[in-house]
Amino acid sequence: MSDERLRVGIVGCGYQGGRLVEAIGLSDSLVVVACADPDDAAAVQLASTAGGASTHASTDDLLANADVDVVMVATPHHLLAEHSLKAIRAGKHVLAEKPCAVNEAEAAAIEQAAAEAGVCYMAGYSFRYLPGWQKVNALLAAGAVGEIVSVSGFFGMGPLSTGWMADPAYGGGPLLYLGSHLVDQVLWYIADEPVEVVADVRYRADTNADETATFQIRFARGAAAQCCVTQAADRFRNTLAIVGRAGYVTMQPCGFLDYEITVASSALPEYAEPLVLHPAAAGDPRNAKHLRQFADLTAAIRQGCQPSVTVADGRRVLRVLDAVVASGRSGRPVVI
């Protein structure tokens, strides 16, 4: 494939579609050429911010009438799989916003379709590209904590009371919205297969969406992760603590998508005493993470391989979240 900018079609012209378009405007490897949404006004408005991209009332129309290399799917959760599959079957590379689908069965269908079509599919876990998240991953890869024994993670936000994110019929609720990020974070860092989940899930009486989920994930090599995801917090917040046989790493927020990291290690001399790190990004962290994500995607497409965050990663997250819901309903552990 040539080094010309890859042509992008955006499916879903709401908030997240807008975030993608803003970040693509800062990229030298991508250009938005088409926007699709059943809300014509939303498509027109987003297309105008993209420099006059074509507008389409449906994904089918975009695929039939716009010349695109990549489709980025930023719809409500319950539509992610449907529109990703349409793009894949049309031979397009796909970046789908997390959680990629609403359950593992949908993700499995995407995985099979992408393999059959021979296209690149990126699971849109853009938080992996935050400097704080990447620094922790680098510390773990360097052996800072040794064998991981335990991880404790929290992702919280204020109440989701209106809009599609409050409605479970649309895949709303914090388990899919934030819990997918937390489970992806835990799976990435532990780098082992989850084998069992036990959970308690509390639901809101007014919206029927999950309000607070607490759950433990047990892993094949013996590590365990304790997680809490809630919409009953007073603000957006993500914390994590990793304990291993050779040390520990903690993450605390110190601004929006910005982290203060504390590391202590008996394996790495520079961290023999606890040290606080602050790997901050320049500019808007939302755009910065997307630009790193896009660089990964573009390189994978040009090299004919898969990106570092794959459909298999997205499927693994949903396998765990399916088990969280099932365990919460039954009150029993679920083997996965």
C-alpha atoms as a PDB file:
ATOM      1  CA  MET A   1       0.000   0.000   0.000  1.00  0.00           C
ATOM      2  CA  SER A   2       1.248   3.496  -0.857  1.00  0.00           C
ATOM      3  CA  ASP A   3       2.227   6.111   1.696  1.00  0.00           C
ATOM      4  CA  GLU A   4      -0.719   8.348   0.750  1.00  0.00           C
ATOM      5  CA  ARG A   5      -3.135   9.176   3.535  1.00  0.00           C
ATOM      6  CA  LEU A   6      -5.682   6.460   4.196  1.00  0.00           C
ATOM      7  CA  ARG A   7      -9.268   7.507   3.492  1.00  0.00           C
ATOM      8  CA  VAL A   8     -11.582   7.136   6.473  1.00  0.00           C
ATOM      9  CA  GLY A   9     -15.340   6.787   6.693  1.00  0.00           C
ATOM     10  CA  ILE A  10     -16.938   7.584  10.054  1.00  0.00           C
ATOM     11  CA  VAL A  11     -20.039   5.598  11.054  1.00  0.00           C
ATOM     12  CA  GLY A  12     -21.801   7.282  13.963  1.00  0.00           C
ATOM     13  CA  CYS A  13     -21.611  11.065  14.110  1.00  0.00           C
ATOM     14  CA  GLY A  14     -22.213  11.646  17.808  1.00  0.00           C
ATOM     15  CA  TYR A  15     -19.727  12.549  20.516  1.00  0.00           C
ATOM     16  CA  GLN A  16     -17.179   9.804  19.859  1.00  0.00           C
ATOM     17  CA  GLY A  17     -17.365  10.221  16.108  1.00  0.00           C
ATOM     18  CA  GLY A  18     -16.537  13.870  16.696  1.00  0.00           C
ATOM     19  CA  ARG A  19     -13.549  12.954  18.854  1.00  0.00           C
ATOM     20  CA  LEU A  20     -12.217  10.715  16.083  1.00  0.00           C
ATOM     21  CA  VAL A  21     -12.650  13.403  13.441  1.00  0.00           C
ATOM     22  CA  GLU A  22     -10.888  16.000  15.599  1.00  0.00           C
ATOM     23  CA  ALA A  23      -7.909  13.699  16.133  1.00  0.00           C
ATOM     24  CA  ILE A  24      -7.763  12.653  12.470  1.00  0.00           C
ATOM     25  CA  GLY A  25      -7.517  16.350  11.607  1.00  0.00           C
ATOM     26  CA  LEU A  26      -4.167  16.345  13.434  1.00  0.00           C
ATOM     27  CA  SER A  27      -2.921  13.204  11.668  1.00  0.00           C
ATOM     28  CA  ASP A  28      -0.670  13.127   8.620  1.00  0.00           C
ATOM     29  CA  SER A  29      -1.640   9.544   7.755  1.00  0.00           C
ATOM     30  CA  LEU A  30      -5.459   9.669   7.688  1.00  0.00           C
ATOM     31  CA  VAL A  31      -8.159  11.853   6.150  1.00  0.00           C
ATOM     32  CA  VAL A  32     -11.929  11.745   6.695  1.00  0.00           C
ATOM     33  CA  VAL A  33     -13.782  11.513   3.383  1.00  0.00           C
ATOM     34  CA  ALA A  34     -17.248  10.299   4.458  1.00  0.00           C
ATOM     35  CA  CYS A  35     -19.603  10.471   7.446  1.00  0.00           C
ATOM     36  CA  ALA A  36     -22.664   8.265   7.973  1.00  0.00           C
ATOM     37  CA  ASP A  37     -25.506   8.675  10.456  1.00  0.00           C
ATOM     38  CA  PRO A  38     -29.297   8.246  10.237  1.00  0.00           C
ATOM     39  CA  ASP A  39     -29.493  11.725  11.776  1.00  0.00           C
ATOM     40  CA  ASP A  40     -28.785  13.816   8.684  1.00  0.00           C
ATOM     41  CA  ALA A  41     -28.032  16.969  10.671  1.00  0.00           C
ATOM     42  CA  ALA A  42     -25.404  15.136  12.727  1.00  0.00           C
ATOM     43  CA  ALA A  43     -23.745  13.755   9.599  1.00  0.00           C
ATOM     44  CA  VAL A  44     -23.731  17.158   7.885  1.00  0.00           C
ATOM     45  CA  GLN A  45     -22.315  18.923  10.924  1.00  0.00           C
ATOM     46  CA  LEU A  46     -19.514  16.407  11.428  1.00  0.00           C
ATOM     47  CA  ALA A  47     -18.699  16.316   7.710  1.00  0.00           C
ATOM     48  CA  SER A  48     -18.315  20.089   7.724  1.00  0.00           C
ATOM     49  CA  THR A  49     -15.764  19.897  10.541  1.00  0.00           C
ATOM     50  CA  ALA A  50     -13.901  17.279   8.497  1.00  0.00           C
ATOM     51  CA  GLY A  51     -13.466  19.676   5.602  1.00  0.00           C
ATOM     52  CA  GLY A  52     -16.460  18.800   3.480  1.00  0.00           C
ATOM     53  CA  ALA A  53     -16.605  15.006   3.624  1.00  0.00           C
ATOM     54  CA  SER A  54     -19.543  13.331   1.908  1.00  0.00           C
ATOM     55  CA  THR A  55     -22.599  12.498   4.027  1.00  0.00           C
ATOM     56  CA  HIS A  56     -24.614   9.290   4.075  1.00  0.00           C
ATOM     57  CA  ALA A  57     -27.790   8.141   5.807  1.00  0.00           C
ATOM     58  CA  SER A  58     -26.504   4.615   6.380  1.00  0.00           C
ATOM     59  CA  THR A  59     -23.400   2.464   6.448  1.00  0.00           C
ATOM     60  CA  ASP A  60     -24.673   0.668   3.346  1.00  0.00           C
ATOM     61  CA  ASP A  61     -24.820   3.956   1.444  1.00  0.00           C
ATOM     62  CA  LEU A  62     -21.346   4.964   2.607  1.00  0.00           C
ATOM     63  CA  LEU A  63     -19.881   1.632   1.521  1.00  0.00           C
ATOM     64  CA  ALA A  64     -21.635   1.770  -1.851  1.00  0.00           C
ATOM     65  CA  ASN A  65     -20.847   5.372  -2.729  1.00  0.00           C
ATOM     66  CA  ALA A  66     -17.732   6.525  -0.859  1.00  0.00           C
ATOM     67  CA  ASP A  67     -14.183   5.416  -1.673  1.00  0.00           C
ATOM     68  CA  VAL A  68     -12.754   4.575   1.752  1.00  0.00           C
ATOM     69  CA  ASP A  69      -9.903   2.424   3.030  1.00  0.00           C
ATOM     70  CA  VAL A  70     -10.884   2.387   6.700  1.00  0.00           C
ATOM     71  CA  VAL A  71     -14.244   2.511   8.452  1.00  0.00           C
ATOM     72  CA  MET A  72     -14.289   3.787  12.034  1.00  0.00           C
ATOM     73  CA  VAL A  73     -17.419   2.705  13.896  1.00  0.00           C
ATOM     74  CA  ALA A  74     -18.528   4.986  16.738  1.00  0.00           C
ATOM     75  CA  THR A  75     -22.171   4.041  17.205  1.00  0.00           C
ATOM     76  CA  PRO A  76     -24.024   3.174  20.409  1.00  0.00           C
ATOM     77  CA  HIS A  77     -22.790  -0.138  21.767  1.00  0.00           C
ATOM     78  CA  HIS A  78     -25.633  -2.315  20.464  1.00  0.00           C
ATOM     79  CA  LEU A  79     -24.849  -1.316  16.858  1.00  0.00           C
ATOM     80  CA  LEU A  80     -21.063  -1.719  16.892  1.00  0.00           C
ATOM     81  CA  ALA A  81     -21.014  -5.327  15.703  1.00  0.00           C
ATOM     82  CA  GLU A  82     -23.626  -4.847  12.977  1.00  0.00           C
ATOM     83  CA  HIS A  83     -21.824  -1.956  11.308  1.00  0.00           C
ATOM     84  CA  SER A  84     -18.363  -3.450  11.797  1.00  0.00           C
ATOM     85  CA  LEU A  85     -19.492  -6.620  10.027  1.00  0.00           C
ATOM     86  CA  LYS A  86     -20.887  -4.630   7.106  1.00  0.00           C
ATOM     87  CA  ALA A  87     -17.589  -2.816   6.658  1.00  0.00           C
ATOM     88  CA  ILE A  88     -15.508  -5.987   7.014  1.00  0.00           C
ATOM     89  CA  ARG A  89     -17.629  -7.860   4.463  1.00  0.00           C
ATOM     90  CA  ALA A  90     -17.143  -4.946   2.075  1.00  0.00           C
ATOM     91  CA  GLY A  91     -13.387  -5.477   2.376  1.00  0.00           C
ATOM     92  CA  LYS A  92     -12.658  -2.423   4.518  1.00  0.00           C
ATOM     93  CA  HIS A  93     -10.257  -2.166   7.420  1.00  0.00           C
ATOM     94  CA  VAL A  94     -12.082  -1.344  10.650  1.00  0.00           C
ATOM     95  CA  LEU A  95     -11.465   0.508  13.887  1.00  0.00           C
ATOM     96  CA  ALA A  96     -14.451  -0.087  16.153  1.00  0.00           C
ATOM     97  CA  GLU A  97     -14.849   1.810  19.386  1.00  0.00           C
ATOM     98  CA  LYS A  98     -14.807  -0.290  22.518  1.00  0.00           C
ATOM     99  CA  PRO A  99     -16.425  -2.499  23.675  1.00  0.00           C
ATOM    100  CA  CYS A 100     -16.582  -3.613  19.984  1.00  0.00           C
ATOM    101  CA  ALA A 101     -19.841  -5.519  20.617  1.00  0.00           C
ATOM    102  CA  VAL A 102     -22.224  -6.230  23.479  1.00  0.00           C
ATOM    103  CA  ASN A 103     -21.215  -9.844  24.112  1.00  0.00           C
ATOM    104  CA  GLU A 104     -18.608 -12.420  23.201  1.00  0.00           C
ATOM    105  CA  ALA A 105     -20.803 -14.104  20.590  1.00  0.00           C
ATOM    106  CA  GLU A 106     -20.927 -10.891  18.558  1.00  0.00           C
ATOM    107  CA  ALA A 107     -17.166 -10.441  18.923  1.00  0.00           C
ATOM    108  CA  ALA A 108     -16.594 -14.020  17.739  1.00  0.00           C
ATOM    109  CA  ALA A 109     -18.581 -13.282  14.573  1.00  0.00           C
ATOM    110  CA  ILE A 110     -16.433 -10.200  13.964  1.00  0.00           C
ATOM    111  CA  GLU A 111     -13.239 -12.198  14.518  1.00  0.00           C
ATOM    112  CA  GLN A 112     -14.297 -14.838  12.008  1.00  0.00           C
ATOM    113  CA  ALA A 113     -15.415 -12.288   9.415  1.00  0.00           C
ATOM    114  CA  ALA A 114     -12.181 -10.280   9.674  1.00  0.00           C
ATOM    115  CA  ALA A 115     -10.094 -13.434   9.253  1.00  0.00           C
ATOM    116  CA  GLU A 116     -12.108 -14.513   6.208  1.00  0.00           C
ATOM    117  CA  ALA A 117     -11.917 -11.052   4.617  1.00  0.00           C
ATOM    118  CA  GLY A 118      -8.216 -10.615   5.364  1.00  0.00           C
ATOM    119  CA  VAL A 119      -8.695  -7.089   6.695  1.00  0.00           C
ATOM    120  CA  CYS A 120      -7.154  -5.260   9.619  1.00  0.00           C
ATOM    121  CA  TYR A 121      -9.438  -4.846  12.644  1.00  0.00           C
ATOM    122  CA  MET A 122      -8.530  -2.690  15.630  1.00  0.00           C
ATOM    123  CA  ALA A 123     -10.429  -2.913  18.905  1.00  0.00           C
ATOM    124  CA  GLY A 124     -10.798   0.712  19.980  1.00  0.00           C
ATOM    125  CA  TYR A 125      -9.235   0.530  23.437  1.00  0.00           C
ATOM    126  CA  SER A 126      -7.531   3.888  23.047  1.00  0.00           C
ATOM    127  CA  PHE A 127      -6.705   4.194  26.765  1.00  0.00           C
ATOM    128  CA  ARG A 128      -3.859   1.749  26.122  1.00  0.00           C
ATOM    129  CA  TYR A 129      -2.142   4.620  24.322  1.00  0.00           C
ATOM    130  CA  LEU A 130      -2.203   6.978  27.316  1.00  0.00           C
ATOM    131  CA  PRO A 131       1.323   7.706  28.629  1.00  0.00           C
ATOM    132  CA  GLY A 132       0.410   6.500  32.128  1.00  0.00           C
ATOM    133  CA  TRP A 133      -0.985   3.192  30.918  1.00  0.00           C
ATOM    134  CA  GLN A 134       1.981   2.649  28.617  1.00  0.00           C
ATOM    135  CA  LYS A 135       4.504   3.473  31.348  1.00  0.00           C
ATOM    136  CA  VAL A 136       2.980   0.873  33.662  1.00  0.00           C
ATOM    137  CA  ASN A 137       3.098  -1.702  30.875  1.00  0.00           C
ATOM    138  CA  ALA A 138       6.771  -0.889  30.284  1.00  0.00           C
ATOM    139  CA  LEU A 139       7.537  -1.243  33.999  1.00  0.00           C
ATOM    140  CA  LEU A 140       5.864  -4.645  34.093  1.00  0.00           C
ATOM    141  CA  ALA A 141       7.719  -5.759  30.960  1.00  0.00           C
ATOM    142  CA  ALA A 142      10.990  -4.709  32.633  1.00  0.00           C
ATOM    143  CA  GLY A 143      10.196  -6.972  35.586  1.00  0.00           C
ATOM    144  CA  ALA A 144       9.464  -4.255  38.139  1.00  0.00           C
ATOM    145  CA  VAL A 145       7.011  -6.392  40.115  1.00  0.00           C
ATOM    146  CA  GLY A 146       8.093  -9.846  39.002  1.00  0.00           C
ATOM    147  CA  GLU A 147       5.330 -12.435  38.997  1.00  0.00           C
ATOM    148  CA  ILE A 148       2.014 -10.638  39.470  1.00  0.00           C
ATOM    149  CA  VAL A 149       0.042 -11.879  42.464  1.00  0.00           C
ATOM    150  CA  SER A 150      -2.829  -9.403  42.688  1.00  0.00           C
ATOM    151  CA  VAL A 151      -4.358  -6.441  40.866  1.00  0.00           C
ATOM    152  CA  SER A 152      -6.992  -4.114  42.327  1.00  0.00           C
ATOM    153  CA  GLY A 153      -8.741  -1.774  39.908  1.00  0.00           C
ATOM    154  CA  PHE A 154     -11.485   0.839  40.038  1.00  0.00           C
ATOM    155  CA  PHE A 155     -13.324   2.748  37.307  1.00  0.00           C
ATOM    156  CA  GLY A 156     -16.066   5.132  38.349  1.00  0.00           C
ATOM    157  CA  MET A 157     -18.134   8.023  37.088  1.00  0.00           C
ATOM    158  CA  GLY A 158     -21.201  10.042  37.977  1.00  0.00           C
ATOM    159  CA  PRO A 159     -24.731   8.765  37.319  1.00  0.00           C
ATOM    160  CA  LEU A 160     -25.849   7.881  33.792  1.00  0.00           C
ATOM    161  CA  SER A 161     -29.478   8.984  33.913  1.00  0.00           C
ATOM    162  CA  THR A 162     -30.350  10.032  30.351  1.00  0.00           C
ATOM    163  CA  GLY A 163     -29.433   9.142  26.779  1.00  0.00           C
ATOM    164  CA  TRP A 164     -28.512   5.816  25.259  1.00  0.00           C
ATOM    165  CA  MET A 165     -25.672   5.214  27.736  1.00  0.00           C
ATOM    166  CA  ALA A 166     -28.286   4.965  30.497  1.00  0.00           C
ATOM    167  CA  ASP A 167     -30.379   2.374  28.646  1.00  0.00           C
ATOM    168  CA  PRO A 168     -29.340  -1.305  28.708  1.00  0.00           C
ATOM    169  CA  ALA A 169     -31.305  -1.901  25.495  1.00  0.00           C
ATOM    170  CA  TYR A 170     -28.602   0.134  23.735  1.00  0.00           C
ATOM    171  CA  GLY A 171     -25.725  -1.480  25.603  1.00  0.00           C
ATOM    172  CA  GLY A 172     -25.745   1.298  28.180  1.00  0.00           C
ATOM    173  CA  GLY A 173     -24.425   1.115  31.715  1.00  0.00           C
ATOM    174  CA  PRO A 174     -20.928   1.454  33.151  1.00  0.00           C
ATOM    175  CA  LEU A 175     -19.942  -2.208  32.782  1.00  0.00           C
ATOM    176  CA  LEU A 176     -19.701  -1.917  29.007  1.00  0.00           C
ATOM    177  CA  TYR A 177     -18.785   1.769  28.998  1.00  0.00           C
ATOM    178  CA  LEU A 178     -16.059   1.803  31.688  1.00  0.00           C
ATOM    179  CA  GLY A 179     -15.759  -1.819  32.772  1.00  0.00           C
ATOM    180  CA  SER A 180     -14.543  -2.755  29.306  1.00  0.00           C
ATOM    181  CA  HIS A 181     -11.616  -0.352  29.757  1.00  0.00           C
ATOM    182  CA  LEU A 182     -10.817  -1.729  33.211  1.00  0.00           C
ATOM    183  CA  VAL A 183     -10.970  -5.374  32.157  1.00  0.00           C
ATOM    184  CA  ASP A 184      -8.826  -4.618  29.106  1.00  0.00           C
ATOM    185  CA  GLN A 185      -6.316  -2.864  31.372  1.00  0.00           C
ATOM    186  CA  VAL A 186      -6.182  -5.824  33.763  1.00  0.00           C
ATOM    187  CA  LEU A 187      -5.899  -8.443  31.003  1.00  0.00           C
ATOM    188  CA  TRP A 188      -3.174  -6.439  29.249  1.00  0.00           C
ATOM    189  CA  TYR A 189      -1.072  -6.103  32.368  1.00  0.00           C
ATOM    190  CA  ILE A 190      -1.492  -9.623  33.748  1.00  0.00           C
ATOM    191  CA  ALA A 191      -0.979 -11.213  30.296  1.00  0.00           C
ATOM    192  CA  ASP A 192      -2.590 -14.507  31.254  1.00  0.00           C
ATOM    193  CA  GLU A 193      -5.851 -16.270  30.501  1.00  0.00           C
ATOM    194  CA  PRO A 194      -8.803 -15.544  32.823  1.00  0.00           C
ATOM    195  CA  VAL A 195     -10.385 -18.781  34.031  1.00  0.00           C
ATOM    196  CA  GLU A 196     -13.054 -17.850  36.594  1.00  0.00           C
ATOM    197  CA  VAL A 197     -15.174 -14.858  37.576  1.00  0.00           C
ATOM    198  CA  VAL A 198     -17.277 -14.243  40.662  1.00  0.00           C
ATOM    199  CA  ALA A 199     -19.335 -11.063  40.803  1.00  0.00           C
ATOM    200  CA  ASP A 200     -21.953  -8.990  42.560  1.00  0.00           C
ATOM    201  CA  VAL A 201     -23.862  -6.615  40.279  1.00  0.00           C
ATOM    202  CA  ARG A 202     -26.352  -4.048  41.549  1.00  0.00           C
ATOM    203  CA  TYR A 203     -28.846  -2.427  39.163  1.00  0.00           C
ATOM    204  CA  ARG A 204     -30.629   0.921  39.129  1.00  0.00           C
ATOM    205  CA  ALA A 205     -34.374   0.656  39.697  1.00  0.00           C
ATOM    206  CA  ASP A 206     -35.159   3.550  37.335  1.00  0.00           C
ATOM    207  CA  THR A 207     -33.087   2.629  34.253  1.00  0.00           C
ATOM    208  CA  ASN A 208     -32.435  -1.099  34.892  1.00  0.00           C
ATOM    209  CA  ALA A 209     -28.804  -0.494  33.945  1.00  0.00           C
ATOM    210  CA  ASP A 210     -25.997  -1.810  36.109  1.00  0.00           C
ATOM    211  CA  GLU A 211     -25.025   0.705  38.783  1.00  0.00           C
ATOM    212  CA  THR A 212     -22.151  -0.940  40.661  1.00  0.00           C
ATOM    213  CA  ALA A 213     -20.357  -4.167  39.815  1.00  0.00           C
ATOM    214  CA  THR A 214     -17.687  -5.700  42.027  1.00  0.00           C
ATOM    215  CA  PHE A 215     -15.965  -8.804  40.738  1.00  0.00           C
ATOM    216  CA  GLN A 216     -12.893 -10.982  40.990  1.00  0.00           C
ATOM    217  CA  ILE A 217     -11.112 -12.526  38.021  1.00  0.00           C
ATOM    218  CA  ARG A 218      -8.926 -15.569  38.634  1.00  0.00           C
ATOM    219  CA  PHE A 219      -6.144 -16.339  36.144  1.00  0.00           C
ATOM    220  CA  ALA A 220      -4.570 -19.578  34.954  1.00  0.00           C
ATOM    221  CA  ARG A 221      -1.197 -18.997  36.629  1.00  0.00           C
ATOM    222  CA  GLY A 222      -2.804 -18.060  39.946  1.00  0.00           C
ATOM    223  CA  ALA A 223      -3.055 -14.265  39.891  1.00  0.00           C
ATOM    224  CA  ALA A 224      -6.315 -12.607  40.924  1.00  0.00           C
ATOM    225  CA  ALA A 225      -7.823  -9.231  40.051  1.00  0.00           C
ATOM    226  CA  GLN A 226     -10.405  -7.434  42.184  1.00  0.00           C
ATOM    227  CA  CYS A 227     -12.408  -4.884  40.213  1.00  0.00           C
ATOM    228  CA  CYS A 228     -15.114  -2.311  40.882  1.00  0.00           C
ATOM    229  CA  VAL A 229     -17.044  -0.407  38.214  1.00  0.00           C
ATOM    230  CA  THR A 230     -19.703   2.110  39.183  1.00  0.00           C
ATOM    231  CA  GLN A 231     -21.833   5.029  38.072  1.00  0.00           C
ATOM    232  CA  ALA A 232     -22.340   6.024  41.716  1.00  0.00           C
ATOM    233  CA  ALA A 233     -19.087   7.979  42.038  1.00  0.00           C
ATOM    234  CA  ASP A 234     -18.824  11.753  42.271  1.00  0.00           C
ATOM    235  CA  ARG A 235     -16.447  12.038  39.298  1.00  0.00           C
ATOM    236  CA  PHE A 236     -14.618  10.140  36.557  1.00  0.00           C
ATOM    237  CA  ARG A 237     -11.815   8.171  38.196  1.00  0.00           C
ATOM    238  CA  ASN A 238      -9.540   5.232  37.375  1.00  0.00           C
ATOM    239  CA  THR A 239      -7.122   3.718  39.900  1.00  0.00           C
ATOM    240  CA  LEU A 240      -5.045   0.562  39.831  1.00  0.00           C
ATOM    241  CA  ALA A 241      -2.657  -1.268  42.170  1.00  0.00           C
ATOM    242  CA  ILE A 242      -0.459  -4.148  41.032  1.00  0.00           C
ATOM    243  CA  VAL A 243       1.361  -6.337  43.555  1.00  0.00           C
ATOM    244  CA  GLY A 244       4.005  -8.853  42.542  1.00  0.00           C
ATOM    245  CA  ARG A 245       6.641 -10.977  44.205  1.00  0.00           C
ATOM    246  CA  ALA A 246       9.326  -8.365  43.419  1.00  0.00           C
ATOM    247  CA  GLY A 247       7.483  -5.086  43.950  1.00  0.00           C
ATOM    248  CA  TYR A 248       4.391  -3.009  43.351  1.00  0.00           C
ATOM    249  CA  VAL A 249       3.040  -0.340  40.994  1.00  0.00           C
ATOM    250  CA  THR A 250       0.099   1.955  41.683  1.00  0.00           C
ATOM    251  CA  MET A 251      -1.762   4.396  39.443  1.00  0.00           C
ATOM    252  CA  GLN A 252      -3.639   7.421  40.774  1.00  0.00           C
ATOM    253  CA  PRO A 253      -5.321  10.089  38.640  1.00  0.00           C
ATOM    254  CA  CYS A 254      -3.848  13.589  38.826  1.00  0.00           C
ATOM    255  CA  GLY A 255      -5.977  15.196  36.139  1.00  0.00           C
ATOM    256  CA  PHE A 256      -8.186  14.040  33.286  1.00  0.00           C
ATOM    257  CA  LEU A 257      -6.561  10.934  31.742  1.00  0.00           C
ATOM    258  CA  ASP A 258      -3.338  11.867  33.555  1.00  0.00           C
ATOM    259  CA  TYR A 259      -1.723   9.602  36.143  1.00  0.00           C
ATOM    260  CA  GLU A 260       0.745   9.645  38.993  1.00  0.00           C
ATOM    261  CA  ILE A 261       2.544   6.306  39.157  1.00  0.00           C
ATOM    262  CA  THR A 262       4.331   4.957  42.224  1.00  0.00           C
ATOM    263  CA  VAL A 263       6.750   2.075  41.748  1.00  0.00           C
ATOM    264  CA  ALA A 264       8.896   0.111  44.196  1.00  0.00           C
ATOM    265  CA  SER A 265      10.953  -2.894  43.139  1.00  0.00           C
ATOM    266  CA  SER A 266      13.508  -5.281  44.567  1.00  0.00           C
ATOM    267  CA  ALA A 267      14.341  -6.362  41.006  1.00  0.00           C
ATOM    268  CA  LEU A 268      15.231  -2.949  39.520  1.00  0.00           C
ATOM    269  CA  PRO A 269      17.829  -0.937  41.485  1.00  0.00           C
ATOM    270  CA  GLU A 270      16.472   2.433  40.339  1.00  0.00           C
ATOM    271  CA  TYR A 271      13.218   1.643  42.134  1.00  0.00           C
ATOM    272  CA  ALA A 272      14.659   0.100  45.305  1.00  0.00           C
ATOM    273  CA  GLU A 273      12.884   2.885  47.187  1.00  0.00           C
ATOM    274  CA  PRO A 274       9.376   3.978  46.156  1.00  0.00           C
ATOM    275  CA  LEU A 275       9.536   6.505  43.326  1.00  0.00           C
ATOM    276  CA  VAL A 276       6.714   8.663  41.988  1.00  0.00           C
ATOM    277  CA  LEU A 277       6.542   9.104  38.203  1.00  0.00           C
ATOM    278  CA  HIS A 278       4.379  11.428  36.144  1.00  0.00           C
ATOM    279  CA  PRO A 279       4.468  10.509  32.440  1.00  0.00           C
ATOM    280  CA  ALA A 280       2.337  13.372  31.130  1.00  0.00           C
ATOM    281  CA  ALA A 281       1.348  13.918  27.507  1.00  0.00           C
ATOM    282  CA  ALA A 282       1.568  17.237  25.699  1.00  0.00           C
ATOM    283  CA  GLY A 283      -1.722  18.763  24.579  1.00  0.00           C
ATOM    284  CA  ASP A 284      -5.202  17.287  24.862  1.00  0.00           C
ATOM    285  CA  PRO A 285      -4.740  13.696  26.120  1.00  0.00           C
ATOM    286  CA  ARG A 286      -7.780  12.567  24.151  1.00  0.00           C
ATOM    287  CA  ASN A 287      -6.216  13.594  20.842  1.00  0.00           C
ATOM    288  CA  ALA A 288      -2.758  12.406  21.884  1.00  0.00           C
ATOM    289  CA  LYS A 289      -3.947   8.876  22.620  1.00  0.00           C
ATOM    290  CA  HIS A 290      -5.880   8.694  19.359  1.00  0.00           C
ATOM    291  CA  LEU A 291      -2.875   9.840  17.338  1.00  0.00           C
ATOM    292  CA  ARG A 292      -0.771   7.038  18.818  1.00  0.00           C
ATOM    293  CA  GLN A 293      -3.645   4.640  18.172  1.00  0.00           C
ATOM    294  CA  PHE A 294      -3.922   5.794  14.548  1.00  0.00           C
ATOM    295  CA  ALA A 295      -0.166   5.374  14.039  1.00  0.00           C
ATOM    296  CA  ASP A 296      -0.486   1.762  15.219  1.00  0.00           C
ATOM    297  CA  LEU A 297      -3.463   1.142  12.932  1.00  0.00           C
ATOM    298  CA  THR A 298      -1.845   2.766   9.889  1.00  0.00           C
ATOM    299  CA  ALA A 299       1.390   0.813  10.330  1.00  0.00           C
ATOM    300  CA  ALA A 300      -0.540  -2.456  10.606  1.00  0.00           C
ATOM    301  CA  ILE A 301      -2.529  -1.757   7.436  1.00  0.00           C
ATOM    302  CA  ARG A 302       0.572  -0.796   5.455  1.00  0.00           C
ATOM    303  CA  GLN A 303       2.467  -3.863   6.702  1.00  0.00           C
ATOM    304  CA  GLY A 304      -0.448  -6.230   6.123  1.00  0.00           C
ATOM    305  CA  CYS A 305      -0.701  -7.365   9.741  1.00  0.00           C
ATOM    306  CA  GLN A 306      -2.954  -6.816  12.745  1.00  0.00           C
ATOM    307  CA  PRO A 307      -2.532  -3.875  15.171  1.00  0.00           C
ATOM    308  CA  SER A 308      -1.440  -4.285  18.774  1.00  0.00           C
ATOM    309  CA  VAL A 309      -5.053  -4.221  20.038  1.00  0.00           C
ATOM    310  CA  THR A 310      -6.936  -6.894  18.131  1.00  0.00           C
ATOM    311  CA  VAL A 311     -10.399  -8.340  17.815  1.00  0.00           C
ATOM    312  CA  ALA A 312      -9.169 -11.225  19.990  1.00  0.00           C
ATOM    313  CA  ASP A 313      -8.439  -8.697  22.751  1.00  0.00           C
ATOM    314  CA  GLY A 314     -11.936  -7.270  22.422  1.00  0.00           C
ATOM    315  CA  ARG A 315     -13.455 -10.742  22.486  1.00  0.00           C
ATOM    316  CA  ARG A 316     -11.513 -11.665  25.638  1.00  0.00           C
ATOM    317  CA  VAL A 317     -12.819  -8.576  27.446  1.00  0.00           C
ATOM    318  CA  LEU A 318     -16.398  -9.433  26.527  1.00  0.00           C
ATOM    319  CA  ARG A 319     -15.931 -13.023  27.678  1.00  0.00           C
ATOM    320  CA  VAL A 320     -15.078 -11.681  31.124  1.00  0.00           C
ATOM    321  CA  LEU A 321     -17.922  -9.147  31.135  1.00  0.00           C
ATOM    322  CA  ASP A 322     -20.412 -11.835  30.069  1.00  0.00           C
ATOM    323  CA  ALA A 323     -19.217 -13.865  33.049  1.00  0.00           C
ATOM    324  CA  VAL A 324     -19.566 -10.866  35.380  1.00  0.00           C
ATOM    325  CA  VAL A 325     -23.217 -10.477  34.400  1.00  0.00           C
ATOM    326  CA  ALA A 326     -23.884 -14.224  34.628  1.00  0.00           C
ATOM    327  CA  SER A 327     -22.218 -14.552  38.036  1.00  0.00           C
ATOM    328  CA  GLY A 328     -24.045 -11.491  39.306  1.00  0.00           C
ATOM    329  CA  ARG A 329     -27.366 -13.054  38.331  1.00  0.00           C
ATOM    330  CA  SER A 330     -26.662 -16.540  39.668  1.00  0.00           C
ATOM    331  CA  GLY A 331     -24.643 -15.625  42.741  1.00  0.00           C
ATOM    332  CA  ARG A 332     -22.129 -18.327  41.801  1.00  0.00           C
ATOM    333  CA  PRO A 333     -18.654 -18.345  40.240  1.00  0.00           C
ATOM    334  CA  VAL A 334     -18.562 -18.709  36.455  1.00  0.00           C
ATOM    335  CA  VAL A 335     -15.803 -20.730  34.804  1.00  0.00           C
ATOM    336  CA  ILE A 336     -14.671 -19.235  31.489  1.00  0.00           C
END
